[in-house]
C-alpha atoms as a PDB file:
ATOM      1  CA  UNK A   1      79.116  94.447  33.286  1.00  0.00           C
ATOM      2  CA  UNK A   2      82.052  93.007  35.333  1.00  0.00           C
ATOM      3  CA  UNK A   3      84.874  94.682  36.698  1.00  0.00           C
ATOM      4  CA  UNK A   4      88.099  93.416  34.924  1.00  0.00           C
ATOM      5  CA  UNK A   5      88.594  90.450  32.736  1.00  0.00           C
ATOM      6  CA  UNK A   6      91.967  88.779  31.843  1.00  0.00           C
ATOM      7  CA  UNK A   7      92.721  85.774  29.689  1.00  0.00           C
ATOM      8  CA  UNK A   8      95.436  83.990  27.608  1.00  0.00           C
ATOM      9  CA  UNK A   9      98.269  86.174  29.028  1.00  0.00           C
ATOM     10  CA  UNK A  10     101.310  85.867  31.286  1.00  0.00           C
ATOM     11  CA  UNK A  11     100.856  89.188  33.493  1.00  0.00           C
ATOM     12  CA  UNK A  12     100.979  90.736  36.657  1.00  0.00           C
ATOM     13  CA  UNK A  13      98.173  93.067  38.174  1.00  0.00           C
ATOM     14  CA  UNK A  14      99.237  95.518  40.579  1.00  0.00           C
ATOM     15  CA  UNK A  15      97.589  98.290  42.656  1.00  0.00           C
ATOM     16  CA  UNK A  16      94.372  97.356  41.009  1.00  0.00           C
ATOM     17  CA  UNK A  17      91.129  98.633  43.021  1.00  0.00           C
ATOM     18  CA  UNK A  18      88.047  96.928  41.948  1.00  0.00           C
ATOM     19  CA  UNK A  19      85.083  97.874  44.006  1.00  0.00           C
ATOM     20  CA  UNK A  20      81.152  97.813  43.388  1.00  0.00           C
ATOM     21  CA  UNK A  21      81.063  96.087  40.189  1.00  0.00           C
ATOM     22  CA  UNK A  22      78.746  93.378  39.022  1.00  0.00           C
ATOM     23  CA  UNK A  23      78.589  90.583  36.621  1.00  0.00           C
ATOM     24  CA  UNK A  24      75.133  89.575  35.540  1.00  0.00           C
ATOM     25  CA  UNK A  25      73.535  86.548  33.745  1.00  0.00           C
ATOM     26  CA  UNK A  26      71.884  87.190  30.667  1.00  0.00           C
ATOM     27  CA  UNK A  27      68.157  85.973  29.659  1.00  0.00           C
ATOM     28  CA  UNK A  28      66.265  83.383  31.226  1.00  0.00           C
ATOM     29  CA  UNK A  29      68.570  82.049  34.149  1.00  0.00           C
ATOM     30  CA  UNK A  30      72.013  82.662  32.578  1.00  0.00           C
ATOM     31  CA  UNK A  31      74.954  82.193  34.748  1.00  0.00           C
ATOM     32  CA  UNK A  32      77.409  85.131  35.791  1.00  0.00           C
ATOM     33  CA  UNK A  33      81.034  84.907  37.190  1.00  0.00           C
ATOM     34  CA  UNK A  34      83.656  87.218  38.278  1.00  0.00           C
ATOM     35  CA  UNK A  35      82.131  90.337  39.706  1.00  0.00           C
ATOM     36  CA  UNK A  36      85.539  91.843  40.315  1.00  0.00           C
ATOM     37  CA  UNK A  37      88.116  89.868  38.149  1.00  0.00           C
ATOM     38  CA  UNK A  38      87.388  87.003  35.664  1.00  0.00           C
ATOM     39  CA  UNK A  39      90.690  85.177  35.063  1.00  0.00           C
ATOM     40  CA  UNK A  40      89.783  83.467  31.730  1.00  0.00           C
ATOM     41  CA  UNK A  41      93.381  81.783  31.158  1.00  0.00           C
ATOM     42  CA  UNK A  42      97.054  82.181  31.331  1.00  0.00           C
ATOM     43  CA  UNK A  43      99.069  83.165  34.187  1.00  0.00           C
ATOM     44  CA  UNK A  44      98.134  85.686  36.486  1.00  0.00           C
ATOM     45  CA  UNK A  45      99.871  87.212  39.626  1.00  0.00           C
ATOM     46  CA  UNK A  46      97.823  89.714  41.696  1.00  0.00           C
ATOM     47  CA  UNK A  47     100.012  92.132  43.769  1.00  0.00           C
ATOM     48  CA  UNK A  48      98.628  94.710  46.205  1.00  0.00           C
ATOM     49  CA  UNK A  49      95.186  94.625  44.653  1.00  0.00           C
ATOM     50  CA  UNK A  50      91.879  95.618  46.498  1.00  0.00           C
ATOM     51  CA  UNK A  51      88.840  93.507  45.306  1.00  0.00           C
ATOM     52  CA  UNK A  52      85.677  94.332  47.584  1.00  0.00           C
ATOM     53  CA  UNK A  53      82.077  94.727  47.239  1.00  0.00           C
ATOM     54  CA  UNK A  54      81.520  93.115  44.038  1.00  0.00           C
ATOM     55  CA  UNK A  55      78.706  90.949  42.794  1.00  0.00           C
ATOM     56  CA  UNK A  56      78.126  87.832  40.318  1.00  0.00           C
ATOM     57  CA  UNK A  57      74.576  87.692  39.999  1.00  0.00           C
ATOM     58  CA  UNK A  58      72.899  84.870  37.920  1.00  0.00           C
ATOM     59  CA  UNK A  59      69.764  86.036  36.117  1.00  0.00           C
ATOM     60  CA  UNK A  60      66.143  84.912  37.216  1.00  0.00           C
ATOM     61  CA  UNK A  61      64.298  82.383  34.723  1.00  0.00           C
ATOM     62  CA  UNK A  62      60.600  83.436  34.936  1.00  0.00           C
ATOM     63  CA  UNK A  63      59.737  79.971  33.200  1.00  0.00           C
ATOM     64  CA  UNK A  64      61.263  77.753  35.843  1.00  0.00           C
ATOM     65  CA  UNK A  65      61.363  80.235  38.778  1.00  0.00           C
ATOM     66  CA  UNK A  66      65.183  79.305  39.222  1.00  0.00           C
ATOM     67  CA  UNK A  67      68.298  81.544  39.367  1.00  0.00           C
ATOM     68  CA  UNK A  68      71.258  81.023  37.275  1.00  0.00           C
ATOM     69  CA  UNK A  69      74.522  80.441  38.752  1.00  0.00           C
ATOM     70  CA  UNK A  70      76.413  83.505  40.356  1.00  0.00           C
ATOM     71  CA  UNK A  71      80.066  82.329  41.274  1.00  0.00           C
ATOM     72  CA  UNK A  72      82.980  84.308  42.245  1.00  0.00           C
ATOM     73  CA  UNK A  73      81.744  87.476  43.309  1.00  0.00           C
ATOM     74  CA  UNK A  74      85.214  88.871  43.888  1.00  0.00           C
ATOM     75  CA  UNK A  75      87.212  86.664  41.497  1.00  0.00           C
ATOM     76  CA  UNK A  76      86.289  83.812  39.167  1.00  0.00           C
ATOM     77  CA  UNK A  77      89.194  81.734  37.895  1.00  0.00           C
ATOM     78  CA  UNK A  78      88.607  79.248  34.791  1.00  0.00           C
ATOM     79  CA  UNK A  79      90.034  75.899  35.010  1.00  0.00           C
ATOM     80  CA  UNK A  80      93.538  75.870  33.592  1.00  0.00           C
ATOM     81  CA  UNK A  81      94.266  79.406  34.662  1.00  0.00           C
ATOM     82  CA  UNK A  82      97.391  79.968  37.112  1.00  0.00           C
ATOM     83  CA  UNK A  83      96.262  82.491  39.499  1.00  0.00           C
ATOM     84  CA  UNK A  84      98.423  83.736  42.181  1.00  0.00           C
ATOM     85  CA  UNK A  85      98.077  86.494  44.839  1.00  0.00           C
ATOM     86  CA  UNK A  86     100.203  88.228  47.607  1.00  0.00           C
ATOM     87  CA  UNK A  87      98.966  88.259  51.111  1.00  0.00           C
ATOM     88  CA  UNK A  88      97.979  92.101  50.595  1.00  0.00           C
ATOM     89  CA  UNK A  89      95.517  91.269  47.949  1.00  0.00           C
ATOM     90  CA  UNK A  90      94.376  88.026  49.933  1.00  0.00           C
ATOM     91  CA  UNK A  91      93.556  90.400  52.924  1.00  0.00           C
ATOM     92  CA  UNK A  92      91.607  92.606  50.735  1.00  0.00           C
ATOM     93  CA  UNK A  93      89.573  90.184  48.745  1.00  0.00           C
ATOM     94  CA  UNK A  94      86.448  90.567  50.950  1.00  0.00           C
ATOM     95  CA  UNK A  95      82.613  91.340  51.130  1.00  0.00           C
ATOM     96  CA  UNK A  96      82.030  90.285  47.764  1.00  0.00           C
ATOM     97  CA  UNK A  97      78.825  88.335  46.851  1.00  0.00           C
ATOM     98  CA  UNK A  98      77.892  85.437  44.579  1.00  0.00           C
ATOM     99  CA  UNK A  99      73.905  85.637  44.082  1.00  0.00           C
ATOM    100  CA  UNK A 100      73.009  81.842  45.010  1.00  0.00           C
ATOM    101  CA  UNK A 101      76.263  80.281  45.931  1.00  0.00           C
ATOM    102  CA  UNK A 102      77.516  81.454  49.321  1.00  0.00           C
ATOM    103  CA  UNK A 103      80.716  79.398  49.250  1.00  0.00           C
ATOM    104  CA  UNK A 104      81.882  81.214  46.255  1.00  0.00           C
ATOM    105  CA  UNK A 105      81.333  84.795  47.455  1.00  0.00           C
ATOM    106  CA  UNK A 106      84.878  85.836  47.265  1.00  0.00           C
ATOM    107  CA  UNK A 107      86.384  83.311  44.968  1.00  0.00           C
ATOM    108  CA  UNK A 108      84.768  80.756  42.599  1.00  0.00           C
ATOM    109  CA  UNK A 109      86.520  78.500  39.865  1.00  0.00           C
ATOM    110  CA  UNK A 110      85.174  76.133  37.181  1.00  0.00           C
ATOM    111  CA  UNK A 111      84.820  76.139  33.454  1.00  0.00           C
ATOM    112  CA  UNK A 112      84.287  79.238  31.162  1.00  0.00           C
ATOM    113  CA  UNK A 113      81.223  81.269  31.733  1.00  0.00           C
ATOM    114  CA  UNK A 114      79.934  83.781  29.360  1.00  0.00           C
END
């Protein structure tokens, strides 16, 4: 289960607290994205939001011994989404984890996952 998913809208998300949620890959090495927020399209503006201690955990494939991609432990932004955030949200986007991609612990982006 992931924390919060938004897609295909023009919206503002204000005063949202997302903490201690997890997006998990499904079956045999599946990918996971957006432990705190999965931004799946449209235009989204984050204002005064707190996104910490979330996890995007790719599933373990018992046949190959590999883990699926875990990206955007805090926020995952799908290509083509316009996502902006104020300084409060930027300062409070911290301590998130992506299971096997340290460069995207707090923020990841790319194609749709799921």
